[in-house]
Amino acid sequence: MALTCKRSAVLVTLGLALARFCSACNTAVVGTSRRPDIPAIAEYFGTKARYEEVNPDLINNILTVHTSVAHLPYGDCTPVHVTAVIRHGTRYPTAKNVRKIRQLYELVLEKSRDSGEGWLQEIRSKWEMWYHDGMDGQLVEKGQFDHRNLAVRLATVFPTLLSKDNLLSDRLRFITSSKHRCVDSIGAFQEGLTALWQLNGTDIPPSSLPQHDDDLMRFFDHCKKFVEDVEKNKTALIEVDLFMSKSEMKRVQEKVADRLQILESDISPDLIEAAFHLCSYEFAIKKVNSPWCNLFDLEDAKVLEYRNDLKQYWKRGYGYEINRKSSCPLFHDLFRRLDRAENESRINGHVSEAATVQVGHAETLLPLLSLMGFFKDEMPLTSDNFALQQGRTFRTSRIVPYASNLLVVLHRCRDTHRVQLLLNEKPLTFPHMSDPAPEYDTVKDFYRDLLQGCDFKKECQLSTNSCKNSSGCGEL
């Protein structure tokens, strides 16, 4: 059931700027036609994609929800607990990316020639290098809107869990990574709830203030085996390096050089990626179809998306076993919360923790989803199977855009408890299961080996024959 703009008007009276953002979104799409202010390549931006590309209904109304997703097809079922693992909202580029963008801009000013294309002339004479190192991945205004709006939508879908009474009675928990973009995101999420419920900051119980927990939300920093064998290993991303020399990337390089009227040798793969990212930043942050986007067509975007997916696959996904095993702390934390909620619900019908909101990174979600077996393709992603992977399920543009979220919902049904999954507010089924909400005991049985094992200290212990600076780390 879609919410009407009447909902937006209510929020305006509460002093929240959501409606202003909603009205801006109303001009993005008419019917099914893509408007010129949305780049044709927007759905290929990988981890730098807007959340709206995953949920196009939000373009016309940022508060659109489908409350039917909370209703299970088993009759008498009531949600009793939800854990939400959420990525931070839209952010500025990191200082490293800013430096690459600056290098790209200087190259275009110095070496590109007038090709008669208006967009190139616009870059050369009108576009200003407004990014600076101090931005360094900080949350932008759009990122605040991402989380405020998400909070309102989730509270609408699960009103008995994310509720005013539960907040005031100390039944909501908020956990975040210590990174400023995550801290600011969870703050915006709480602002969305307090505005919806007509509260103010002083009404929030001290126990509901966000807790910083990097052991949980940045587990990858604390896994020595991952840090040494993947993060610092110069050959761990060999498939990404190899792809840079493949014909697909060579063709993109030729086309970009031709469009800029420069020599191919002047534009490196790194600068091509910087230009692709620049298009995505301009769109996600400023809501504009930047002239930089004209450097790429759809085929180019698919190649560059695959390049980004290769990186995430080998660094955060199925490429190496330690990538996903590093998320054992978050996996066990999730099931401890479900166990406690199921036990309390079964014994006395009252669950002490109705909802847990955890804000982290794409690097938080991808390993967890991989550990649980989601989006695993039959063939691994490699440098030489781009053509065969066009139908792959491991697409970061669809899985972990800004503000991406995994919701794990425990329902009390007539004779049992069931678990429902939502990814980016859409139903997600467990691997090898067709049931939209299997019984909790069935889910625990499916993950028995991980629940009984997946010991973080053991998995992350650095072996004596560490493969740092060598190939062959981990397992496919």
Protein backbone atom coordinates (compact mmCIF):
# COMPACT_ATOMS: atom_id res chain seq x y z
CA MET A 1 0.00 0.00 0.00
CA ALA A 2 1.62 3.20 -1.15
CA LEU A 3 1.62 6.13 1.22
CA THR A 4 0.11 9.30 -0.16
CA CYS A 5 1.57 12.78 -0.15
CA LYS A 6 -0.66 13.43 2.86
CA ARG A 7 2.03 11.60 4.83
CA SER A 8 4.60 14.09 3.54
CA ALA A 9 2.42 16.99 4.65
CA VAL A 10 2.30 15.60 8.17
CA LEU A 11 6.07 15.49 8.28
CA VAL A 12 6.28 19.09 7.12
CA THR A 13 4.22 20.13 10.12
CA LEU A 14 6.72 18.32 12.31
CA GLY A 15 9.48 20.52 10.98
CA LEU A 16 11.25 17.75 9.07
CA ALA A 17 12.62 18.55 5.63
CA LEU A 18 11.53 15.25 4.14
CA ALA A 19 8.76 16.79 2.09
CA ARG A 20 11.17 19.19 0.40
CA PHE A 21 13.24 16.25 -0.70
CA CYS A 22 10.14 14.32 -1.74
CA SER A 23 9.00 17.17 -3.99
CA ALA A 24 12.39 17.29 -5.64
CA CYS A 25 12.07 13.59 -6.42
CA ASN A 26 8.71 14.11 -8.09
CA THR A 27 10.40 15.60 -11.15
CA ALA A 28 12.72 12.65 -11.71
CA VAL A 29 10.45 10.23 -13.55
CA VAL A 30 7.25 10.59 -15.53
CA GLY A 31 5.52 7.29 -16.12
CA THR A 32 8.16 4.77 -17.10
CA SER A 33 10.35 7.19 -19.05
CA ARG A 34 13.74 8.15 -17.70
CA ARG A 35 14.09 11.88 -17.31
CA PRO A 36 17.16 13.67 -18.67
CA ASP A 37 18.25 14.57 -15.13
CA ILE A 38 18.89 10.87 -14.45
CA PRO A 39 21.99 9.47 -16.18
CA ALA A 40 21.20 6.51 -18.42
CA ILE A 41 24.04 4.65 -16.69
CA ALA A 42 22.78 5.31 -13.14
CA GLU A 43 21.89 1.67 -12.41
CA TYR A 44 25.51 0.54 -12.93
CA PHE A 45 27.25 2.63 -10.26
CA GLY A 46 27.96 -0.31 -7.92
CA THR A 47 28.55 0.66 -4.31
CA LYS A 48 28.16 4.32 -5.31
CA ALA A 49 24.62 3.85 -6.61
CA ARG A 50 21.62 5.71 -5.24
CA TYR A 51 19.14 3.72 -3.19
CA GLU A 52 16.39 4.94 -5.52
CA GLU A 53 17.81 2.93 -8.41
CA VAL A 54 17.04 -0.23 -6.41
CA ASN A 55 13.56 1.06 -5.46
CA PRO A 56 12.36 3.24 -8.35
CA ASP A 57 8.99 3.87 -6.62
CA LEU A 58 10.86 6.17 -4.26
CA ILE A 59 11.76 8.54 -7.09
CA ASN A 60 8.17 9.77 -7.31
CA ASN A 61 7.44 9.53 -3.58
CA ILE A 62 10.29 9.00 -1.15
CA LEU A 63 7.85 7.68 1.46
CA THR A 64 6.38 4.92 -0.68
CA VAL A 65 6.07 1.67 1.24
CA HIS A 66 4.40 -1.68 0.70
CA THR A 67 3.09 -2.73 4.08
CA SER A 68 2.02 -6.08 2.64
CA VAL A 69 5.62 -7.32 2.92
CA ALA A 70 5.16 -7.57 6.69
CA HIS A 71 2.21 -9.96 6.37
CA LEU A 72 3.08 -13.65 6.07
CA PRO A 73 0.88 -16.16 4.23
CA TYR A 74 0.37 -18.34 7.31
CA GLY A 75 -2.57 -16.70 9.00
CA ASP A 76 -1.97 -15.77 12.61
CA CYS A 77 1.59 -14.31 12.64
CA THR A 78 2.86 -11.24 14.49
CA PRO A 79 6.34 -9.67 14.16
CA VAL A 80 8.07 -9.65 17.56
CA HIS A 81 11.63 -8.57 16.71
CA VAL A 82 13.61 -7.06 13.85
CA THR A 83 17.34 -6.60 13.44
CA ALA A 84 18.27 -4.13 10.69
CA VAL A 85 21.83 -4.04 9.37
CA ILE A 86 22.10 -0.84 7.34
CA ARG A 87 24.81 0.81 5.28
CA HIS A 88 25.49 4.52 5.81
CA GLY A 89 23.82 7.01 3.49
CA THR A 90 25.18 8.92 0.50
CA ARG A 91 28.62 10.32 1.19
CA TYR A 92 31.32 12.53 -0.30
CA PRO A 93 34.28 10.87 -2.05
CA THR A 94 37.23 9.91 0.11
CA ALA A 95 40.35 12.08 0.04
CA LYS A 96 42.01 9.47 -2.19
CA ASN A 97 39.20 9.69 -4.74
CA VAL A 98 39.20 13.48 -4.57
CA ARG A 99 42.87 13.49 -5.58
CA LYS A 100 42.10 11.26 -8.57
CA ILE A 101 39.20 13.49 -9.59
CA ARG A 102 41.48 16.53 -9.40
CA GLN A 103 44.09 14.75 -11.54
CA LEU A 104 41.41 13.86 -14.11
CA TYR A 105 40.10 17.42 -14.26
CA GLU A 106 43.58 18.85 -14.74
CA LEU A 107 44.22 16.33 -17.53
CA VAL A 108 41.06 17.41 -19.36
CA LEU A 109 41.92 21.10 -19.02
CA GLU A 110 45.46 20.54 -20.21
CA LYS A 111 45.14 18.01 -23.00
CA SER A 112 41.60 17.62 -24.28
CA ARG A 113 40.74 19.37 -27.53
CA ASP A 114 37.55 21.01 -28.76
CA SER A 115 35.54 18.25 -30.40
CA GLY A 116 32.44 20.32 -30.97
CA GLU A 117 30.67 18.54 -28.13
CA GLY A 118 28.83 20.94 -25.84
CA TRP A 119 29.29 18.76 -22.75
CA LEU A 120 33.07 18.77 -23.15
CA GLN A 121 33.09 22.52 -23.52
CA GLU A 122 30.94 22.74 -20.40
CA ILE A 123 33.51 20.71 -18.44
CA ARG A 124 36.35 22.85 -19.70
CA SER A 125 34.75 26.27 -19.21
CA LYS A 126 31.95 25.96 -16.63
CA TRP A 127 32.48 22.95 -14.38
CA GLU A 128 34.39 23.74 -11.19
CA MET A 129 36.47 21.36 -9.11
CA TRP A 130 34.43 21.76 -5.94
CA TYR A 131 35.54 18.57 -4.18
CA HIS A 132 38.31 18.90 -1.59
CA ASP A 133 40.31 16.52 0.60
CA GLY A 134 38.51 17.61 3.77
CA MET A 135 35.29 15.96 2.58
CA ASP A 136 36.93 12.53 2.97
CA GLY A 137 33.85 10.31 2.90
CA GLN A 138 31.64 12.43 5.14
CA LEU A 139 27.87 12.06 4.98
CA VAL A 140 26.14 14.57 2.69
CA GLU A 141 22.67 16.10 3.08
CA LYS A 142 21.24 13.46 0.76
CA GLY A 143 22.72 10.79 3.06
CA GLN A 144 20.80 12.27 5.98
CA PHE A 145 17.61 12.14 3.94
CA ASP A 146 18.39 8.52 3.03
CA HIS A 147 18.25 7.48 6.67
CA ARG A 148 15.48 9.79 7.86
CA ASN A 149 13.21 8.53 5.11
CA LEU A 150 14.23 4.92 5.65
CA ALA A 151 13.36 5.21 9.34
CA VAL A 152 9.88 6.52 8.52
CA ARG A 153 9.28 3.76 5.96
CA LEU A 154 10.43 0.98 8.29
CA ALA A 155 8.34 2.37 11.16
CA THR A 156 5.36 2.35 8.80
CA VAL A 157 5.91 -1.27 7.75
CA PHE A 158 6.62 -2.49 11.31
CA PRO A 159 4.65 -0.08 13.54
CA THR A 160 4.54 -2.49 16.50
CA LEU A 161 8.33 -2.88 16.53
CA LEU A 162 9.71 0.55 15.60
CA SER A 163 7.26 2.43 17.77
CA LYS A 164 7.22 5.43 20.08
CA ASP A 165 6.27 3.28 23.06
CA ASN A 166 9.14 0.87 22.40
CA LEU A 167 11.61 3.73 22.23
CA LEU A 168 10.41 5.29 25.47
CA SER A 169 10.28 1.92 27.24
CA ASP A 170 13.88 1.09 26.31
CA ARG A 171 13.08 -1.66 23.79
CA LEU A 172 15.06 -0.25 20.85
CA ARG A 173 18.82 -0.57 20.38
CA PHE A 174 21.03 1.50 18.08
CA ILE A 175 24.58 0.40 17.21
CA THR A 176 27.01 2.06 14.79
CA SER A 177 30.48 1.97 13.37
CA SER A 178 32.66 4.77 14.75
CA LYS A 179 33.14 6.31 11.29
CA HIS A 180 31.53 9.74 11.10
CA ARG A 181 29.37 8.83 8.10
CA CYS A 182 27.83 5.97 10.10
CA VAL A 183 27.43 7.99 13.30
CA ASP A 184 25.71 10.75 11.32
CA SER A 185 23.53 8.20 9.49
CA ILE A 186 22.20 6.58 12.65
CA GLY A 187 21.63 10.06 14.09
CA ALA A 188 19.54 10.91 11.02
CA PHE A 189 17.66 7.61 11.39
CA GLN A 190 16.72 8.55 14.95
CA GLU A 191 15.74 12.04 13.81
CA GLY A 192 13.32 10.49 11.35
CA LEU A 193 11.71 8.46 14.13
CA THR A 194 11.51 11.29 16.66
CA ALA A 195 9.99 13.66 14.09
CA LEU A 196 7.46 11.03 13.06
CA TRP A 197 6.48 10.49 16.70
CA GLN A 198 6.62 14.21 17.53
CA LEU A 199 9.36 13.76 20.10
CA ASN A 200 12.50 15.79 20.65
CA GLY A 201 16.04 14.72 21.38
CA THR A 202 15.61 14.98 25.13
CA ASP A 203 12.86 12.36 25.03
CA ILE A 204 15.28 9.63 23.91
CA PRO A 205 16.31 7.41 26.84
CA PRO A 206 20.10 7.44 27.41
CA SER A 207 20.17 3.68 26.83
CA SER A 208 18.81 4.27 23.30
CA LEU A 209 21.64 6.58 22.29
CA PRO A 210 23.79 4.97 19.56
CA GLN A 211 26.56 2.69 20.80
CA HIS A 212 29.84 2.62 18.88
CA ASP A 213 30.93 -0.97 18.24
CA ASP A 214 33.67 -1.46 15.66
CA ASP A 215 34.21 -5.07 16.73
CA LEU A 216 30.72 -5.70 15.38
CA MET A 217 30.34 -3.22 12.51
CA ARG A 218 33.97 -3.09 11.32
CA PHE A 219 34.95 -6.68 12.08
CA PHE A 220 37.20 -6.72 9.02
CA ASP A 221 39.63 -4.30 10.70
CA HIS A 222 40.12 -6.74 13.56
CA CYS A 223 40.58 -9.93 11.54
CA LYS A 224 44.36 -10.31 11.19
CA LYS A 225 44.12 -13.01 8.53
CA PHE A 226 41.91 -10.82 6.36
CA VAL A 227 44.09 -7.74 6.85
CA GLU A 228 47.31 -9.56 5.94
CA ASP A 229 46.10 -12.07 3.34
CA VAL A 230 43.65 -9.81 1.49
CA GLU A 231 43.74 -6.15 2.54
CA LYS A 232 47.53 -5.80 2.42
CA ASN A 233 48.24 -8.57 -0.06
CA LYS A 234 49.39 -7.04 -3.35
CA THR A 235 48.17 -10.00 -5.39
CA ALA A 236 44.81 -10.63 -3.70
CA LEU A 237 43.05 -8.60 -6.40
CA ILE A 238 44.96 -10.10 -9.30
CA GLU A 239 41.70 -10.75 -11.18
CA VAL A 240 40.91 -7.03 -11.07
CA ASP A 241 44.39 -6.17 -12.34
CA LEU A 242 44.10 -8.72 -15.14
CA PHE A 243 40.72 -7.36 -16.21
CA MET A 244 42.27 -3.93 -16.76
CA SER A 245 44.23 -5.36 -19.70
CA LYS A 246 41.31 -7.24 -21.25
CA SER A 247 39.71 -6.18 -24.53
CA GLU A 248 36.58 -4.89 -22.77
CA MET A 249 38.55 -2.37 -20.72
CA LYS A 250 40.77 -1.50 -23.68
CA ARG A 251 37.69 -0.66 -25.69
CA VAL A 252 36.40 1.66 -22.93
CA GLN A 253 39.79 3.36 -22.82
CA GLU A 254 39.73 3.91 -26.59
CA LYS A 255 36.24 5.39 -26.50
CA VAL A 256 36.92 7.71 -23.56
CA ALA A 257 40.14 8.95 -25.16
CA ASP A 258 38.28 9.57 -28.40
CA ARG A 259 35.52 11.49 -26.65
CA LEU A 260 38.06 13.66 -24.86
CA GLN A 261 40.20 14.00 -27.99
CA ILE A 262 43.35 12.88 -26.17
CA LEU A 263 45.86 10.05 -26.62
CA GLU A 264 44.93 6.68 -25.13
CA SER A 265 48.19 6.72 -23.24
CA ASP A 266 47.08 9.91 -21.47
CA ILE A 267 44.05 8.33 -19.79
CA SER A 268 44.82 5.48 -17.40
CA PRO A 269 42.28 2.90 -16.20
CA ASP A 270 42.43 4.56 -12.77
CA LEU A 271 41.42 7.91 -14.25
CA ILE A 272 38.65 6.28 -16.27
CA GLU A 273 37.32 4.82 -13.04
CA ALA A 274 37.64 8.25 -11.41
CA ALA A 275 35.52 9.76 -14.20
CA PHE A 276 32.89 7.04 -13.75
CA HIS A 277 32.84 7.67 -10.02
CA LEU A 278 32.65 11.42 -10.62
CA CYS A 279 29.49 10.95 -12.66
CA SER A 280 28.01 8.89 -9.81
CA TYR A 281 29.01 11.41 -7.14
CA GLU A 282 27.57 14.35 -9.06
CA PHE A 283 24.29 12.49 -9.43
CA ALA A 284 24.01 11.02 -5.93
CA ILE A 285 25.14 14.16 -4.11
CA LYS A 286 23.81 17.01 -6.27
CA LYS A 287 21.02 15.19 -8.16
CA VAL A 288 22.40 16.34 -11.53
CA ASN A 289 23.18 14.54 -14.75
CA SER A 290 26.75 15.81 -14.93
CA PRO A 291 28.53 16.48 -18.25
CA TRP A 292 31.09 13.93 -17.03
CA CYS A 293 28.46 11.23 -17.55
CA ASN A 294 28.71 11.79 -21.32
CA LEU A 295 32.06 10.02 -21.28
CA PHE A 296 30.29 6.67 -20.99
CA ASP A 297 27.57 4.74 -22.77
CA LEU A 298 25.68 1.72 -21.43
CA GLU A 299 28.25 -0.80 -22.64
CA ASP A 300 31.04 1.16 -20.95
CA ALA A 301 29.02 1.28 -17.73
CA LYS A 302 28.49 -2.48 -17.72
CA VAL A 303 32.23 -3.03 -18.08
CA LEU A 304 33.08 -0.59 -15.30
CA GLU A 305 30.38 -2.03 -13.04
CA TYR A 306 31.91 -5.48 -13.59
CA ARG A 307 35.33 -4.12 -12.72
CA ASN A 308 33.91 -2.80 -9.44
CA ASP A 309 32.07 -6.07 -8.78
CA LEU A 310 35.29 -8.01 -9.35
CA LYS A 311 36.95 -5.94 -6.66
CA GLN A 312 34.14 -6.47 -4.18
CA TYR A 313 33.88 -10.17 -5.00
CA TRP A 314 37.56 -10.81 -4.31
CA LYS A 315 37.89 -8.40 -1.39
CA ARG A 316 34.54 -8.69 0.41
CA GLY A 317 32.64 -11.57 -1.15
CA TYR A 318 33.23 -15.14 -2.27
CA GLY A 319 36.74 -14.66 -3.65
CA TYR A 320 38.46 -15.76 -0.44
CA GLU A 321 36.96 -17.70 2.42
CA ILE A 322 38.32 -15.31 5.04
CA ASN A 323 36.32 -12.45 3.48
CA ARG A 324 33.05 -13.93 4.66
CA LYS A 325 34.41 -15.70 7.76
CA SER A 326 35.55 -12.31 9.08
CA SER A 327 31.85 -11.48 9.59
CA CYS A 328 31.37 -14.28 12.15
CA PRO A 329 30.92 -11.77 15.04
CA LEU A 330 28.02 -10.05 13.30
CA PHE A 331 26.49 -13.39 12.27
CA HIS A 332 26.57 -14.72 15.84
CA ASP A 333 25.30 -11.42 17.24
CA LEU A 334 22.30 -11.63 14.89
CA PHE A 335 21.37 -15.14 15.98
CA ARG A 336 21.89 -14.37 19.67
CA ARG A 337 19.32 -11.62 19.34
CA LEU A 338 16.94 -13.93 17.49
CA ASP A 339 17.46 -16.68 20.08
CA ARG A 340 16.71 -14.32 22.95
CA ALA A 341 13.66 -12.88 21.23
CA GLU A 342 12.31 -16.33 20.34
CA ASN A 343 12.84 -17.62 23.86
CA GLU A 344 11.17 -14.61 25.49
CA SER A 345 8.29 -14.70 23.03
CA ARG A 346 7.72 -18.40 23.62
CA ILE A 347 7.89 -18.22 27.43
CA ASN A 348 6.02 -15.03 28.29
CA GLY A 349 5.02 -13.40 25.01
CA HIS A 350 7.01 -10.23 25.74
CA VAL A 351 10.27 -9.51 23.89
CA SER A 352 12.65 -7.16 25.69
CA GLU A 353 14.33 -5.91 22.52
CA ALA A 354 11.78 -5.18 19.81
CA ALA A 355 14.22 -3.74 17.28
CA THR A 356 17.95 -3.41 16.80
CA VAL A 357 19.31 -0.93 14.25
CA GLN A 358 22.95 -1.41 13.27
CA VAL A 359 24.67 0.98 10.86
CA GLY A 360 27.90 0.07 9.10
CA HIS A 361 29.36 -0.11 5.63
CA ALA A 362 29.07 -1.97 2.34
CA GLU A 363 32.08 -3.85 3.72
CA THR A 364 29.86 -4.85 6.65
CA LEU A 365 26.94 -6.15 4.60
CA LEU A 366 28.72 -7.95 1.75
CA PRO A 367 30.74 -10.39 3.89
CA LEU A 368 27.67 -11.18 6.02
CA LEU A 369 25.48 -11.82 2.97
CA SER A 370 28.24 -13.99 1.48
CA LEU A 371 28.68 -15.93 4.73
CA MET A 372 24.95 -16.66 4.70
CA GLY A 373 25.12 -17.87 1.09
CA PHE A 374 23.32 -15.10 -0.79
CA PHE A 375 24.12 -14.00 -4.35
CA LYS A 376 26.54 -16.84 -5.04
CA ASP A 377 26.82 -17.51 -8.77
CA GLU A 378 27.67 -20.91 -10.21
CA MET A 379 30.87 -19.52 -11.70
CA PRO A 380 33.26 -17.29 -9.75
CA LEU A 381 33.76 -13.81 -11.13
CA THR A 382 37.08 -13.70 -12.97
CA SER A 383 38.90 -11.41 -15.37
CA ASP A 384 38.07 -13.51 -18.42
CA ASN A 385 34.36 -14.29 -18.03
CA PHE A 386 32.76 -10.86 -18.31
CA ALA A 387 30.54 -11.99 -21.20
CA LEU A 388 29.34 -15.04 -19.28
CA GLN A 389 28.51 -13.03 -16.16
CA GLN A 390 25.95 -10.62 -17.59
CA GLY A 391 23.20 -12.43 -15.71
CA ARG A 392 25.15 -12.70 -12.44
CA THR A 393 23.42 -12.25 -9.11
CA PHE A 394 26.49 -10.70 -7.47
CA ARG A 395 25.81 -7.12 -8.55
CA THR A 396 26.74 -4.55 -5.94
CA SER A 397 24.57 -1.95 -7.70
CA ARG A 398 21.56 -4.01 -6.66
CA ILE A 399 22.83 -5.37 -3.34
CA VAL A 400 24.65 -2.56 -1.53
CA PRO A 401 23.80 0.93 -2.83
CA TYR A 402 23.92 3.78 -0.33
CA ALA A 403 21.61 3.08 2.66
CA SER A 404 21.23 -0.58 1.66
CA ASN A 405 19.70 -2.67 4.40
CA LEU A 406 19.15 -6.25 5.50
CA LEU A 407 16.14 -6.78 7.77
CA VAL A 408 15.80 -10.02 9.72
CA VAL A 409 12.31 -10.24 11.19
CA LEU A 410 11.17 -12.81 13.74
CA HIS A 411 7.43 -13.57 13.69
CA ARG A 412 5.44 -15.39 16.33
CA CYS A 413 2.92 -17.61 14.58
CA ARG A 414 0.27 -19.94 15.94
CA ASP A 415 2.48 -22.91 16.80
CA THR A 416 5.96 -21.72 15.91
CA HIS A 417 8.29 -18.82 15.15
CA ARG A 418 9.28 -17.89 11.61
CA VAL A 419 12.06 -15.74 10.14
CA GLN A 420 11.54 -13.32 7.28
CA LEU A 421 14.25 -11.51 5.32
CA LEU A 422 14.03 -8.21 3.49
CA LEU A 423 16.89 -6.78 1.47
CA ASN A 424 16.45 -3.13 0.58
CA GLU A 425 12.81 -3.41 1.66
CA LYS A 426 12.09 -6.32 -0.69
CA PRO A 427 11.51 -9.98 0.25
CA LEU A 428 14.61 -12.19 0.13
CA THR A 429 14.48 -15.96 0.50
CA PHE A 430 17.12 -18.00 2.27
CA PRO A 431 19.47 -19.98 -0.01
CA HIS A 432 17.94 -23.26 -1.23
CA MET A 433 14.58 -22.42 0.37
CA SER A 434 11.38 -21.35 -1.34
CA ASP A 435 9.47 -20.58 1.86
CA PRO A 436 9.20 -16.78 2.25
CA ALA A 437 9.50 -17.17 6.04
CA PRO A 438 10.73 -20.60 7.15
CA GLU A 439 10.44 -21.78 10.73
CA TYR A 440 13.23 -20.49 12.93
CA ASP A 441 14.35 -24.02 13.82
CA THR A 442 14.70 -24.77 10.09
CA VAL A 443 16.87 -21.69 9.60
CA LYS A 444 19.08 -22.62 12.55
CA ASP A 445 19.42 -26.15 11.23
CA PHE A 446 20.48 -24.78 7.83
CA TYR A 447 23.21 -22.69 9.47
CA ARG A 448 24.13 -25.32 12.06
CA ASP A 449 27.79 -25.53 11.07
CA LEU A 450 28.24 -21.77 11.24
CA LEU A 451 26.34 -21.48 14.50
CA GLN A 452 28.42 -24.21 16.12
CA GLY A 453 31.65 -22.97 14.56
CA CYS A 454 32.70 -19.79 12.79
CA ASP A 455 34.98 -18.88 15.67
CA PHE A 456 36.33 -15.40 14.94
CA LYS A 457 39.61 -15.84 16.83
CA LYS A 458 40.31 -19.15 15.17
CA GLU A 459 39.28 -18.07 11.67
CA CYS A 460 41.22 -14.81 11.85
CA GLN A 461 44.36 -16.18 13.43
CA LEU A 462 47.31 -15.41 11.19
CA SER A 463 48.96 -18.60 9.98
CA THR A 464 52.75 -18.96 10.10
CA ASN A 465 52.86 -19.25 6.31
CA SER A 466 50.92 -16.05 5.64
CA CYS A 467 50.49 -15.49 1.92
CA LYS A 468 51.08 -11.77 2.07
CA ASN A 469 52.48 -10.51 -1.24
CA SER A 470 51.89 -13.90 -2.86
CA SER A 471 49.06 -15.51 -4.76
CA GLY A 472 46.67 -18.25 -3.76
CA CYS A 473 45.36 -16.87 -0.46
CA GLY A 474 42.23 -18.48 0.88
CA GLU A 475 39.80 -20.63 -1.07
CA LEU A 476 37.17 -20.09 -3.70
